[in-house]
PDB file of N, CA and C in Angstrom:
ATOM      1  N   UNK A   1      92.024 101.159  79.916  1.00  0.00           N
ATOM      2  CA  UNK A   1      91.751 102.549  80.103  1.00  0.00           C
ATOM      3  C   UNK A   1      92.550 103.006  81.443  1.00  0.00           C
ATOM      4  N   UNK A   2      93.066 104.107  81.314  1.00  0.00           N
ATOM      5  CA  UNK A   2      93.867 104.682  82.365  1.00  0.00           C
ATOM      6  C   UNK A   2      93.011 105.410  83.369  1.00  0.00           C
ATOM      7  N   UNK A   3      93.558 105.622  84.602  1.00  0.00           N
ATOM      8  CA  UNK A   3      92.813 106.299  85.656  1.00  0.00           C
ATOM      9  C   UNK A   3      92.557 107.722  85.076  1.00  0.00           C
ATOM     10  N   UNK A   4      91.434 108.371  85.392  1.00  0.00           N
ATOM     11  CA  UNK A   4      91.230 109.807  85.068  1.00  0.00           C
ATOM     12  C   UNK A   4      92.393 110.602  85.746  1.00  0.00           C
ATOM     13  N   UNK A   5      92.752 111.647  85.122  1.00  0.00           N
ATOM     14  CA  UNK A   5      93.831 112.485  85.644  1.00  0.00           C
ATOM     15  C   UNK A   5      93.630 112.944  87.003  1.00  0.00           C
ATOM     16  N   UNK A   6      92.411 113.422  87.427  1.00  0.00           N
ATOM     17  CA  UNK A   6      92.164 113.849  88.703  1.00  0.00           C
ATOM     18  C   UNK A   6      92.360 112.765  89.753  1.00  0.00           C
ATOM     19  N   UNK A   7      92.043 111.567  89.403  1.00  0.00           N
ATOM     20  CA  UNK A   7      92.219 110.422  90.343  1.00  0.00           C
ATOM     21  C   UNK A   7      93.657 110.068  90.369  1.00  0.00           C
ATOM     22  N   UNK A   8      94.411 109.990  89.245  1.00  0.00           N
ATOM     23  CA  UNK A   8      95.728 109.539  89.180  1.00  0.00           C
ATOM     24  C   UNK A   8      96.693 110.367  90.168  1.00  0.00           C
ATOM     25  N   UNK A   9      96.598 111.629  90.038  1.00  0.00           N
ATOM     26  CA  UNK A   9      97.483 112.475  90.970  1.00  0.00           C
ATOM     27  C   UNK A   9      97.239 112.258  92.411  1.00  0.00           C
ATOM     28  N   UNK A  10      96.017 112.178  92.790  1.00  0.00           N
ATOM     29  CA  UNK A  10      95.599 111.949  94.163  1.00  0.00           C
ATOM     30  C   UNK A  10      96.118 110.634  94.617  1.00  0.00           C
ATOM     31  N   UNK A  11      95.910 109.608  93.815  1.00  0.00           N
ATOM     32  CA  UNK A  11      96.143 108.237  94.238  1.00  0.00           C
ATOM     33  C   UNK A  11      97.721 108.112  94.359  1.00  0.00           C
ATOM     34  N   UNK A  12      98.478 108.726  93.447  1.00  0.00           N
ATOM     35  CA  UNK A  12      99.969 108.641  93.510  1.00  0.00           C
ATOM     36  C   UNK A  12     100.437 109.246  94.768  1.00  0.00           C
ATOM     37  N   UNK A  13      99.863 110.420  95.193  1.00  0.00           N
ATOM     38  CA  UNK A  13     100.280 111.039  96.430  1.00  0.00           C
ATOM     39  C   UNK A  13      99.894 110.242  97.635  1.00  0.00           C
ATOM     40  N   UNK A  14      98.699 109.726  97.665  1.00  0.00           N
ATOM     41  CA  UNK A  14      98.223 108.907  98.779  1.00  0.00           C
ATOM     42  C   UNK A  14      99.082 107.641  98.999  1.00  0.00           C
ATOM     43  N   UNK A  15      99.309 106.949  97.914  1.00  0.00           N
ATOM     44  CA  UNK A  15     100.007 105.733  97.968  1.00  0.00           C
ATOM     45  C   UNK A  15     101.561 105.842  98.220  1.00  0.00           C
ATOM     46  N   UNK A  16     102.038 106.818  97.641  1.00  0.00           N
ATOM     47  CA  UNK A  16     103.531 107.204  97.845  1.00  0.00           C
ATOM     48  C   UNK A  16     103.677 107.425  99.444  1.00  0.00           C
ATOM     49  N   UNK A  17     102.817 108.167 100.056  1.00  0.00           N
ATOM     50  CA  UNK A  17     102.881 108.490 101.436  1.00  0.00           C
ATOM     51  C   UNK A  17     102.620 107.244 102.262  1.00  0.00           C
ATOM     52  N   UNK A  18     101.526 106.474 101.891  1.00  0.00           N
ATOM     53  CA  UNK A  18     101.372 105.232 102.634  1.00  0.00           C
ATOM     54  C   UNK A  18     102.556 104.305 102.562  1.00  0.00           C
ATOM     55  N   UNK A  19     103.065 103.996 101.460  1.00  0.00           N
ATOM     56  CA  UNK A  19     104.164 103.104 101.285  1.00  0.00           C
ATOM     57  C   UNK A  19     105.409 103.542 101.971  1.00  0.00           C
ATOM     58  N   UNK A  20     105.664 104.822 101.981  1.00  0.00           N
ATOM     59  CA  UNK A  20     106.907 105.439 102.499  1.00  0.00           C
ATOM     60  C   UNK A  20     106.793 105.336 104.150  1.00  0.00           C
ATOM     61  N   UNK A  21     105.660 105.314 104.691  1.00  0.00           N
ATOM     62  CA  UNK A  21     105.521 105.181 106.129  1.00  0.00           C
ATOM     63  C   UNK A  21     105.126 103.846 106.749  1.00  0.00           C
ATOM     64  N   UNK A  22     104.949 102.857 105.802  1.00  0.00           N
ATOM     65  CA  UNK A  22     104.394 101.586 106.299  1.00  0.00           C
ATOM     66  C   UNK A  22     105.517 100.773 107.070  1.00  0.00           C
ATOM     67  N   UNK A  23     106.761 100.775 106.549  1.00  0.00           N
ATOM     68  CA  UNK A  23     107.779 100.012 107.189  1.00  0.00           C
ATOM     69  C   UNK A  23     108.843 100.902 107.720  1.00  0.00           C
ATOM     70  N   UNK A  24     109.179 100.783 109.004  1.00  0.00           N
ATOM     71  CA  UNK A  24     110.239 101.588 109.628  1.00  0.00           C
ATOM     72  C   UNK A  24     111.597 101.395 108.869  1.00  0.00           C
ATOM     73  N   UNK A  25     112.373 102.477 108.862  1.00  0.00           N
ATOM     74  CA  UNK A  25     113.541 102.434 108.085  1.00  0.00           C
ATOM     75  C   UNK A  25     114.523 101.311 108.472  1.00  0.00           C
ATOM     76  N   UNK A  26     114.480 100.946 109.740  1.00  0.00           N
ATOM     77  CA  UNK A  26     115.406  99.962 110.179  1.00  0.00           C
ATOM     78  C   UNK A  26     115.101  98.584 109.671  1.00  0.00           C
ATOM     79  N   UNK A  27     113.814  98.348 109.111  1.00  0.00           N
ATOM     80  CA  UNK A  27     113.413  97.070 108.627  1.00  0.00           C
ATOM     81  C   UNK A  27     113.319  97.136 107.090  1.00  0.00           C
ATOM     82  N   UNK A  28     113.639  98.174 106.449  1.00  0.00           N
ATOM     83  CA  UNK A  28     113.588  98.197 105.019  1.00  0.00           C
ATOM     84  C   UNK A  28     114.556  97.312 104.254  1.00  0.00           C
ATOM     85  N   UNK A  29     115.448  96.810 104.883  1.00  0.00           N
ATOM     86  CA  UNK A  29     116.359  95.809 104.242  1.00  0.00           C
ATOM     87  C   UNK A  29     115.716  94.422 104.314  1.00  0.00           C
ATOM     88  N   UNK A  30     114.549  94.240 104.996  1.00  0.00           N
ATOM     89  CA  UNK A  30     113.833  92.995 105.170  1.00  0.00           C
ATOM     90  C   UNK A  30     112.486  92.982 104.436  1.00  0.00           C
ATOM     91  N   UNK A  31     111.995  94.240 104.184  1.00  0.00           N
ATOM     92  CA  UNK A  31     110.608  94.353 103.624  1.00  0.00           C
ATOM     93  C   UNK A  31     110.396  95.751 103.084  1.00  0.00           C
ATOM     94  N   UNK A  32     109.751  95.862 101.972  1.00  0.00           N
ATOM     95  CA  UNK A  32     109.416  97.179 101.469  1.00  0.00           C
ATOM     96  C   UNK A  32     107.947  97.028 100.954  1.00  0.00           C
ATOM     97  N   UNK A  33     107.204  98.200 101.056  1.00  0.00           N
ATOM     98  CA  UNK A  33     105.825  98.159 100.518  1.00  0.00           C
ATOM     99  C   UNK A  33     105.846  99.169  99.352  1.00  0.00           C
ATOM    100  N   UNK A  34     105.300  98.675  98.227  1.00  0.00           N
ATOM    101  CA  UNK A  34     105.239  99.474  97.053  1.00  0.00           C
ATOM    102  C   UNK A  34     103.849  99.363  96.370  1.00  0.00           C
ATOM    103  N   UNK A  35     103.624 100.220  95.394  1.00  0.00           N
ATOM    104  CA  UNK A  35     102.318 100.095  94.623  1.00  0.00           C
ATOM    105  C   UNK A  35     102.746 100.280  93.047  1.00  0.00           C
ATOM    106  N   UNK A  36     101.796  99.842  92.281  1.00  0.00           N
ATOM    107  CA  UNK A  36     101.878 100.221  90.903  1.00  0.00           C
ATOM    108  C   UNK A  36     100.459 100.409  90.294  1.00  0.00           C
ATOM    109  N   UNK A  37     100.371 101.305  89.376  1.00  0.00           N
ATOM    110  CA  UNK A  37      99.154 101.644  88.657  1.00  0.00           C
ATOM    111  C   UNK A  37      99.195 101.099  87.276  1.00  0.00           C
ATOM    112  N   UNK A  38      98.182 100.339  86.971  1.00  0.00           N
ATOM    113  CA  UNK A  38      98.069  99.842  85.575  1.00  0.00           C
ATOM    114  C   UNK A  38      96.608  99.893  85.159  1.00  0.00           C
ATOM    115  N   UNK A  39      96.370 100.793  84.200  1.00  0.00           N
ATOM    116  CA  UNK A  39      94.980 101.000  83.730  1.00  0.00           C
ATOM    117  C   UNK A  39      94.166 101.639  84.834  1.00  0.00           C
ATOM    118  N   UNK A  40      93.117 100.940  85.232  1.00  0.00           N
ATOM    119  CA  UNK A  40      92.159 101.520  86.274  1.00  0.00           C
ATOM    120  C   UNK A  40      92.504 100.777  87.629  1.00  0.00           C
ATOM    121  N   UNK A  41      93.608 100.054  87.725  1.00  0.00           N
ATOM    122  CA  UNK A  41      93.915  99.305  88.878  1.00  0.00           C
ATOM    123  C   UNK A  41      95.065  99.839  89.567  1.00  0.00           C
ATOM    124  N   UNK A  42      95.046  99.822  90.921  1.00  0.00           N
ATOM    125  CA  UNK A  42      96.292 100.178  91.830  1.00  0.00           C
ATOM    126  C   UNK A  42      96.471  98.924  92.574  1.00  0.00           C
ATOM    127  N   UNK A  43      97.671  98.402  92.481  1.00  0.00           N
ATOM    128  CA  UNK A  43      98.105  97.209  93.201  1.00  0.00           C
ATOM    129  C   UNK A  43      99.102  97.553  94.332  1.00  0.00           C
ATOM    130  N   UNK A  44      98.770  97.149  95.482  1.00  0.00           N
ATOM    131  CA  UNK A  44      99.621  97.292  96.678  1.00  0.00           C
ATOM    132  C   UNK A  44     100.427  95.990  96.895  1.00  0.00           C
ATOM    133  N   UNK A  45     101.663  95.881  96.960  1.00  0.00           N
ATOM    134  CA  UNK A  45     102.428  94.776  97.204  1.00  0.00           C
ATOM    135  C   UNK A  45     103.615  94.998  98.122  1.00  0.00           C
ATOM    136  N   UNK A  46     104.117  93.856  98.666  1.00  0.00           N
ATOM    137  CA  UNK A  46     105.260  93.990  99.453  1.00  0.00           C
ATOM    138  C   UNK A  46     106.413  93.339  98.747  1.00  0.00           C
ATOM    139  N   UNK A  47     107.658  93.757  99.053  1.00  0.00           N
ATOM    140  CA  UNK A  47     108.846  93.122  98.548  1.00  0.00           C
ATOM    141  C   UNK A  47     109.649  92.485  99.648  1.00  0.00           C
ATOM    142  N   UNK A  48     110.055  91.269  99.413  1.00  0.00           N
ATOM    143  CA  UNK A  48     110.959  90.683 100.542  1.00  0.00           C
ATOM    144  C   UNK A  48     112.136  90.048  99.781  1.00  0.00           C
ATOM    145  N   UNK A  49     113.260  89.958 100.487  1.00  0.00           N
ATOM    146  CA  UNK A  49     114.454  89.285  99.941  1.00  0.00           C
ATOM    147  C   UNK A  49     114.104  87.867  99.473  1.00  0.00           C
ATOM    148  N   UNK A  50     114.633  87.456  98.289  1.00  0.00           N
ATOM    149  CA  UNK A  50     114.418  86.094  97.841  1.00  0.00           C
ATOM    150  C   UNK A  50     115.310  85.171  98.679  1.00  0.00           C
ATOM    151  N   UNK A  51     114.710  83.999  98.928  1.00  0.00           N
ATOM    152  CA  UNK A  51     115.399  82.967  99.725  1.00  0.00           C
ATOM    153  C   UNK A  51     116.549  82.472  98.879  1.00  0.00           C
ATOM    154  N   UNK A  52     117.689  82.506  99.463  1.00  0.00           N
ATOM    155  CA  UNK A  52     118.955  81.913  98.914  1.00  0.00           C
ATOM    156  C   UNK A  52     119.351  82.652  97.641  1.00  0.00           C
ATOM    157  N   UNK A  53     118.800  83.877  97.257  1.00  0.00           N
ATOM    158  CA  UNK A  53     119.264  84.544  96.143  1.00  0.00           C
ATOM    159  C   UNK A  53     119.568  85.960  96.542  1.00  0.00           C
ATOM    160  N   UNK A  54     120.854  86.220  96.790  1.00  0.00           N
ATOM    161  CA  UNK A  54     121.329  87.513  97.300  1.00  0.00           C
ATOM    162  C   UNK A  54     121.027  88.605  96.240  1.00  0.00           C
ATOM    163  N   UNK A  55     120.578  89.749  96.862  1.00  0.00           N
ATOM    164  CA  UNK A  55     120.347  90.974  96.079  1.00  0.00           C
ATOM    165  C   UNK A  55     119.062  90.792  95.146  1.00  0.00           C
ATOM    166  N   UNK A  56     118.261  89.864  95.362  1.00  0.00           N
ATOM    167  CA  UNK A  56     117.059  89.707  94.567  1.00  0.00           C
ATOM    168  C   UNK A  56     115.848  89.891  95.556  1.00  0.00           C
ATOM    169  N   UNK A  57     114.777  90.466  95.016  1.00  0.00           N
ATOM    170  CA  UNK A  57     113.601  90.632  95.820  1.00  0.00           C
ATOM    171  C   UNK A  57     112.374  90.032  95.144  1.00  0.00           C
ATOM    172  N   UNK A  58     111.526  89.548  95.903  1.00  0.00           N
ATOM    173  CA  UNK A  58     110.220  88.917  95.331  1.00  0.00           C
ATOM    174  C   UNK A  58     109.028  89.763  95.700  1.00  0.00           C
ATOM    175  N   UNK A  59     108.092  89.824  94.805  1.00  0.00           N
ATOM    176  CA  UNK A  59     106.795  90.644  95.106  1.00  0.00           C
ATOM    177  C   UNK A  59     105.769  89.676  95.751  1.00  0.00           C
ATOM    178  N   UNK A  60     105.050  90.292  96.715  1.00  0.00           N
ATOM    179  CA  UNK A  60     103.978  89.468  97.274  1.00  0.00           C
ATOM    180  C   UNK A  60     102.705  90.377  97.329  1.00  0.00           C
ATOM    181  N   UNK A  61     101.714  89.912  96.579  1.00  0.00           N
ATOM    182  CA  UNK A  61     100.416  90.772  96.522  1.00  0.00           C
ATOM    183  C   UNK A  61      99.760  90.996  97.801  1.00  0.00           C
ATOM    184  N   UNK A  62      99.293  92.193  98.029  1.00  0.00           N
ATOM    185  CA  UNK A  62      98.604  92.540  99.170  1.00  0.00           C
ATOM    186  C   UNK A  62      97.133  92.853  98.897  1.00  0.00           C
ATOM    187  N   UNK A  63      96.935  93.910  98.060  1.00  0.00           N
ATOM    188  CA  UNK A  63      95.569  94.373  97.701  1.00  0.00           C
ATOM    189  C   UNK A  63      95.575  94.927  96.432  1.00  0.00           C
ATOM    190  N   UNK A  64      94.403  94.956  95.757  1.00  0.00           N
ATOM    191  CA  UNK A  64      94.205  95.718  94.567  1.00  0.00           C
ATOM    192  C   UNK A  64      92.947  96.548  94.667  1.00  0.00           C
ATOM    193  N   UNK A  65      92.940  97.731  94.155  1.00  0.00           N
ATOM    194  CA  UNK A  65      91.877  98.648  94.119  1.00  0.00           C
ATOM    195  C   UNK A  65      91.531  98.893  92.670  1.00  0.00           C
ATOM    196  N   UNK A  66      90.257  98.723  92.266  1.00  0.00           N
ATOM    197  CA  UNK A  66      89.943  98.911  90.893  1.00  0.00           C
ATOM    198  C   UNK A  66      88.919  99.977  90.818  1.00  0.00           C
ATOM    199  N   UNK A  67      89.136 100.879  89.885  1.00  0.00           N
ATOM    200  CA  UNK A  67      88.296 102.045  89.668  1.00  0.00           C
ATOM    201  C   UNK A  67      87.322 101.868  88.540  1.00  0.00           C
ATOM    202  N   UNK A  68      86.031 102.142  88.780  1.00  0.00           N
ATOM    203  CA  UNK A  68      85.045 102.013  87.814  1.00  0.00           C
ATOM    204  C   UNK A  68      84.574 103.409  87.443  1.00  0.00           C
ATOM    205  N   UNK A  69      84.984 103.868  86.183  1.00  0.00           N
ATOM    206  CA  UNK A  69      84.705 105.198  85.733  1.00  0.00           C
ATOM    207  C   UNK A  69      83.243 105.480  85.497  1.00  0.00           C
ATOM    208  N   UNK A  70      82.414 104.464  85.380  1.00  0.00           N
ATOM    209  CA  UNK A  70      81.059 104.656  85.150  1.00  0.00           C
ATOM    210  C   UNK A  70      80.284 105.146  86.431  1.00  0.00           C
ATOM    211  N   UNK A  71      80.553 104.492  87.496  1.00  0.00           N
ATOM    212  CA  UNK A  71      79.869 104.855  88.789  1.00  0.00           C
ATOM    213  C   UNK A  71      80.870 105.580  89.808  1.00  0.00           C
ATOM    214  N   UNK A  72      82.155 105.787  89.302  1.00  0.00           N
ATOM    215  CA  UNK A  72      83.163 106.489  90.080  1.00  0.00           C
ATOM    216  C   UNK A  72      83.482 105.882  91.418  1.00  0.00           C
ATOM    217  N   UNK A  73      83.289 104.588  91.506  1.00  0.00           N
ATOM    218  CA  UNK A  73      83.444 103.835  92.766  1.00  0.00           C
ATOM    219  C   UNK A  73      84.878 103.029  92.604  1.00  0.00           C
ATOM    220  N   UNK A  74      85.486 102.717  93.699  1.00  0.00           N
ATOM    221  CA  UNK A  74      86.606 101.915  93.865  1.00  0.00           C
ATOM    222  C   UNK A  74      86.144 100.589  94.513  1.00  0.00           C
ATOM    223  N   UNK A  75      86.625  99.525  93.994  1.00  0.00           N
ATOM    224  CA  UNK A  75      86.322  98.135  94.558  1.00  0.00           C
ATOM    225  C   UNK A  75      87.635  97.556  95.023  1.00  0.00           C
ATOM    226  N   UNK A  76      87.632  96.976  96.268  1.00  0.00           N
ATOM    227  CA  UNK A  76      88.813  96.318  96.849  1.00  0.00           C
ATOM    228  C   UNK A  76      88.822  94.812  96.592  1.00  0.00           C
ATOM    229  N   UNK A  77      90.068  94.407  96.188  1.00  0.00           N
ATOM    230  CA  UNK A  77      90.241  92.985  96.000  1.00  0.00           C
ATOM    231  C   UNK A  77      91.394  92.406  96.836  1.00  0.00           C
ATOM    232  N   UNK A  78      91.310  91.216  97.172  1.00  0.00           N
ATOM    233  CA  UNK A  78      92.364  90.470  97.910  1.00  0.00           C
ATOM    234  C   UNK A  78      92.925  89.356  97.047  1.00  0.00           C
ATOM    235  N   UNK A  79      94.138  88.948  97.305  1.00  0.00           N
ATOM    236  CA  UNK A  79      94.809  87.962  96.555  1.00  0.00           C
ATOM    237  C   UNK A  79      94.748  86.633  97.297  1.00  0.00           C
ATOM    238  N   UNK A  80      94.597  85.559  96.525  1.00  0.00           N
ATOM    239  CA  UNK A  80      94.693  84.293  97.121  1.00  0.00           C
ATOM    240  C   UNK A  80      96.183  83.756  97.038  1.00  0.00           C
ATOM    241  N   UNK A  81      96.452  82.569  97.495  1.00  0.00           N
ATOM    242  CA  UNK A  81      97.851  82.137  97.631  1.00  0.00           C
ATOM    243  C   UNK A  81      98.527  81.958  96.189  1.00  0.00           C
ATOM    244  N   UNK A  82      97.754  81.961  95.201  1.00  0.00           N
ATOM    245  CA  UNK A  82      98.282  81.996  93.815  1.00  0.00           C
ATOM    246  C   UNK A  82      98.269  83.324  93.177  1.00  0.00           C
ATOM    247  N   UNK A  83      98.120  84.341  93.964  1.00  0.00           N
ATOM    248  CA  UNK A  83      98.107  85.750  93.511  1.00  0.00           C
ATOM    249  C   UNK A  83      96.953  86.058  92.526  1.00  0.00           C
ATOM    250  N   UNK A  84      95.833  85.353  92.596  1.00  0.00           N
ATOM    251  CA  UNK A  84      94.659  85.589  91.820  1.00  0.00           C
ATOM    252  C   UNK A  84      93.748  86.502  92.716  1.00  0.00           C
ATOM    253  N   UNK A  85      93.146  87.435  92.016  1.00  0.00           N
ATOM    254  CA  UNK A  85      92.380  88.493  92.678  1.00  0.00           C
ATOM    255  C   UNK A  85      90.975  88.056  92.877  1.00  0.00           C
ATOM    256  N   UNK A  86      90.395  88.421  94.033  1.00  0.00           N
ATOM    257  CA  UNK A  86      88.934  88.083  94.452  1.00  0.00           C
ATOM    258  C   UNK A  86      88.424  89.394  95.060  1.00  0.00           C
ATOM    259  N   UNK A  87      87.142  89.602  94.818  1.00  0.00           N
ATOM    260  CA  UNK A  87      86.500  90.743  95.433  1.00  0.00           C
ATOM    261  C   UNK A  87      86.527  90.440  96.987  1.00  0.00           C
ATOM    262  N   UNK A  88      86.842  91.593  97.663  1.00  0.00           N
ATOM    263  CA  UNK A  88      86.800  91.580  99.113  1.00  0.00           C
ATOM    264  C   UNK A  88      85.399  92.044  99.476  1.00  0.00           C
ATOM    265  N   UNK A  89      84.655  91.077  99.991  1.00  0.00           N
ATOM    266  CA  UNK A  89      83.196  91.468 100.260  1.00  0.00           C
ATOM    267  C   UNK A  89      82.959  92.159 101.597  1.00  0.00           C
ATOM    268  N   UNK A  90      83.889  92.326 102.399  1.00  0.00           N
ATOM    269  CA  UNK A  90      83.572  92.976 103.729  1.00  0.00           C
ATOM    270  C   UNK A  90      83.454  94.483 103.694  1.00  0.00           C
ATOM    271  N   UNK A  91      83.694  95.093 102.510  1.00  0.00           N
ATOM    272  CA  UNK A  91      83.456  96.514 102.332  1.00  0.00           C
ATOM    273  C   UNK A  91      82.812  96.737 100.950  1.00  0.00           C
ATOM    274  N   UNK A  92      81.854  97.508 100.832  1.00  0.00           N
ATOM    275  CA  UNK A  92      81.216  97.811  99.552  1.00  0.00           C
ATOM    276  C   UNK A  92      82.106  98.753  98.714  1.00  0.00           C
ATOM    277  N   UNK A  93      81.946  98.662  97.415  1.00  0.00           N
ATOM    278  CA  UNK A  93      82.608  99.648  96.535  1.00  0.00           C
ATOM    279  C   UNK A  93      82.253 101.071  97.015  1.00  0.00           C
ATOM    280  N   UNK A  94      83.326 101.954  96.872  1.00  0.00           N
ATOM    281  CA  UNK A  94      83.216 103.294  97.612  1.00  0.00           C
ATOM    282  C   UNK A  94      83.884 104.276  96.715  1.00  0.00           C
ATOM    283  N   UNK A  95      83.337 105.493  96.606  1.00  0.00           N
ATOM    284  CA  UNK A  95      84.009 106.549  95.838  1.00  0.00           C
ATOM    285  C   UNK A  95      85.243 107.129  96.632  1.00  0.00           C
ATOM    286  N   UNK A  96      85.374 106.814  97.818  1.00  0.00           N
ATOM    287  CA  UNK A  96      86.495 107.256  98.713  1.00  0.00           C
ATOM    288  C   UNK A  96      87.581 106.220  98.799  1.00  0.00           C
ATOM    289  N   UNK A  97      88.642 106.402  97.988  1.00  0.00           N
ATOM    290  CA  UNK A  97      89.709 105.466  97.984  1.00  0.00           C
ATOM    291  C   UNK A  97      90.324 105.361  99.315  1.00  0.00           C
ATOM    292  N   UNK A  98      90.444 106.380 100.064  1.00  0.00           N
ATOM    293  CA  UNK A  98      91.062 106.314 101.377  1.00  0.00           C
ATOM    294  C   UNK A  98      90.248 105.291 102.401  1.00  0.00           C
ATOM    295  N   UNK A  99      88.953 105.266 102.167  1.00  0.00           N
ATOM    296  CA  UNK A  99      88.180 104.405 103.023  1.00  0.00           C
ATOM    297  C   UNK A  99      88.680 102.896 102.798  1.00  0.00           C
ATOM    298  N   UNK A 100      88.893 102.571 101.500  1.00  0.00           N
ATOM    299  CA  UNK A 100      89.292 101.179 101.159  1.00  0.00           C
ATOM    300  C   UNK A 100      90.744 100.966 101.683  1.00  0.00           C
ATOM    301  N   UNK A 101      91.571 101.930 101.563  1.00  0.00           N
ATOM    302  CA  UNK A 101      93.011 101.889 101.977  1.00  0.00           C
ATOM    303  C   UNK A 101      92.983 101.670 103.550  1.00  0.00           C
ATOM    304  N   UNK A 102      92.005 102.335 104.229  1.00  0.00           N
ATOM    305  CA  UNK A 102      91.907 102.205 105.641  1.00  0.00           C
ATOM    306  C   UNK A 102      91.514 100.752 106.027  1.00  0.00           C
ATOM    307  N   UNK A 103      90.631 100.162 105.254  1.00  0.00           N
ATOM    308  CA  UNK A 103      90.222  98.742 105.431  1.00  0.00           C
ATOM    309  C   UNK A 103      91.434  97.824 105.363  1.00  0.00           C
ATOM    310  N   UNK A 104      92.341  98.112 104.391  1.00  0.00           N
ATOM    311  CA  UNK A 104      93.560  97.194 104.155  1.00  0.00           C
ATOM    312  C   UNK A 104      94.450  97.454 105.372  1.00  0.00           C
ATOM    313  N   UNK A 105      94.568  98.646 105.735  1.00  0.00           N
ATOM    314  CA  UNK A 105      95.481  98.943 106.977  1.00  0.00           C
ATOM    315  C   UNK A 105      95.009  98.225 108.164  1.00  0.00           C
ATOM    316  N   UNK A 106      93.680  98.412 108.492  1.00  0.00           N
ATOM    317  CA  UNK A 106      93.046  97.848 109.645  1.00  0.00           C
ATOM    318  C   UNK A 106      93.066  96.256 109.565  1.00  0.00           C
ATOM    319  N   UNK A 107      92.912  95.674 108.368  1.00  0.00           N
ATOM    320  CA  UNK A 107      92.911  94.304 108.115  1.00  0.00           C
ATOM    321  C   UNK A 107      92.064  93.486 109.122  1.00  0.00           C
ATOM    322  N   UNK A 108      90.772  93.754 109.318  1.00  0.00           N
ATOM    323  CA  UNK A 108      90.077  93.048 110.308  1.00  0.00           C
ATOM    324  C   UNK A 108      89.929  91.608 110.055  1.00  0.00           C
ATOM    325  N   UNK A 109      90.094  91.081 108.794  1.00  0.00           N
ATOM    326  CA  UNK A 109      90.028  89.632 108.564  1.00  0.00           C
ATOM    327  C   UNK A 109      91.406  88.934 108.498  1.00  0.00           C
ATOM    328  N   UNK A 110      92.444  89.645 108.469  1.00  0.00           N
ATOM    329  CA  UNK A 110      93.783  89.123 108.429  1.00  0.00           C
ATOM    330  C   UNK A 110      94.131  88.689 107.047  1.00  0.00           C
ATOM    331  N   UNK A 111      93.422  89.035 106.029  1.00  0.00           N
ATOM    332  CA  UNK A 111      93.532  88.543 104.728  1.00  0.00           C
ATOM    333  C   UNK A 111      94.685  89.385 103.922  1.00  0.00           C
ATOM    334  N   UNK A 112      94.895  90.657 104.291  1.00  0.00           N
ATOM    335  CA  UNK A 112      95.927  91.426 103.598  1.00  0.00           C
ATOM    336  C   UNK A 112      97.285  91.310 104.124  1.00  0.00           C
ATOM    337  N   UNK A 113      97.450  91.488 105.427  1.00  0.00           N
ATOM    338  CA  UNK A 113      98.795  91.490 106.025  1.00  0.00           C
ATOM    339  C   UNK A 113      99.075  90.218 106.770  1.00  0.00           C
ATOM    340  N   UNK A 114      98.049  89.361 106.916  1.00  0.00           N
ATOM    341  CA  UNK A 114      98.195  88.113 107.546  1.00  0.00           C
ATOM    342  C   UNK A 114      98.064  88.269 108.976  1.00  0.00           C
TER     343      UNK A 114
END
C-alpha cells in the first residue's frame, strides 16, 4: 500500500530538503544522503564511493520510517550491520514525521550516524 497522497507530498518535501542540506557541497564527492519511498516506508540512506571501484557508489542504510494508516502513526526503525531493520525503541510511534526525523538527526544513541 502506498503512502496517502497528503503524506506523500509532505514527506517528499521534508526529505528532499533534509537530504539537500545534510552534507556540505565540498564533501558531496565523498558522501551523499538520499531517501526512497516504497509503499508505506521511507528509507534514509547514505551513499559513499565504493572501495577500489571508480565511479561506483554503495548505499548504507541509516533509518527507516514506516507509516501505519490505521492509527496514522510513524514508527522509526534502525538498521543492523546486515541492513536488517529493527524497531528503534527510544521513541514511541508518532503522527509527527518530523519528530522522528529530529531523533535521527540528534542520534542520541549513535545508532544512525555512528
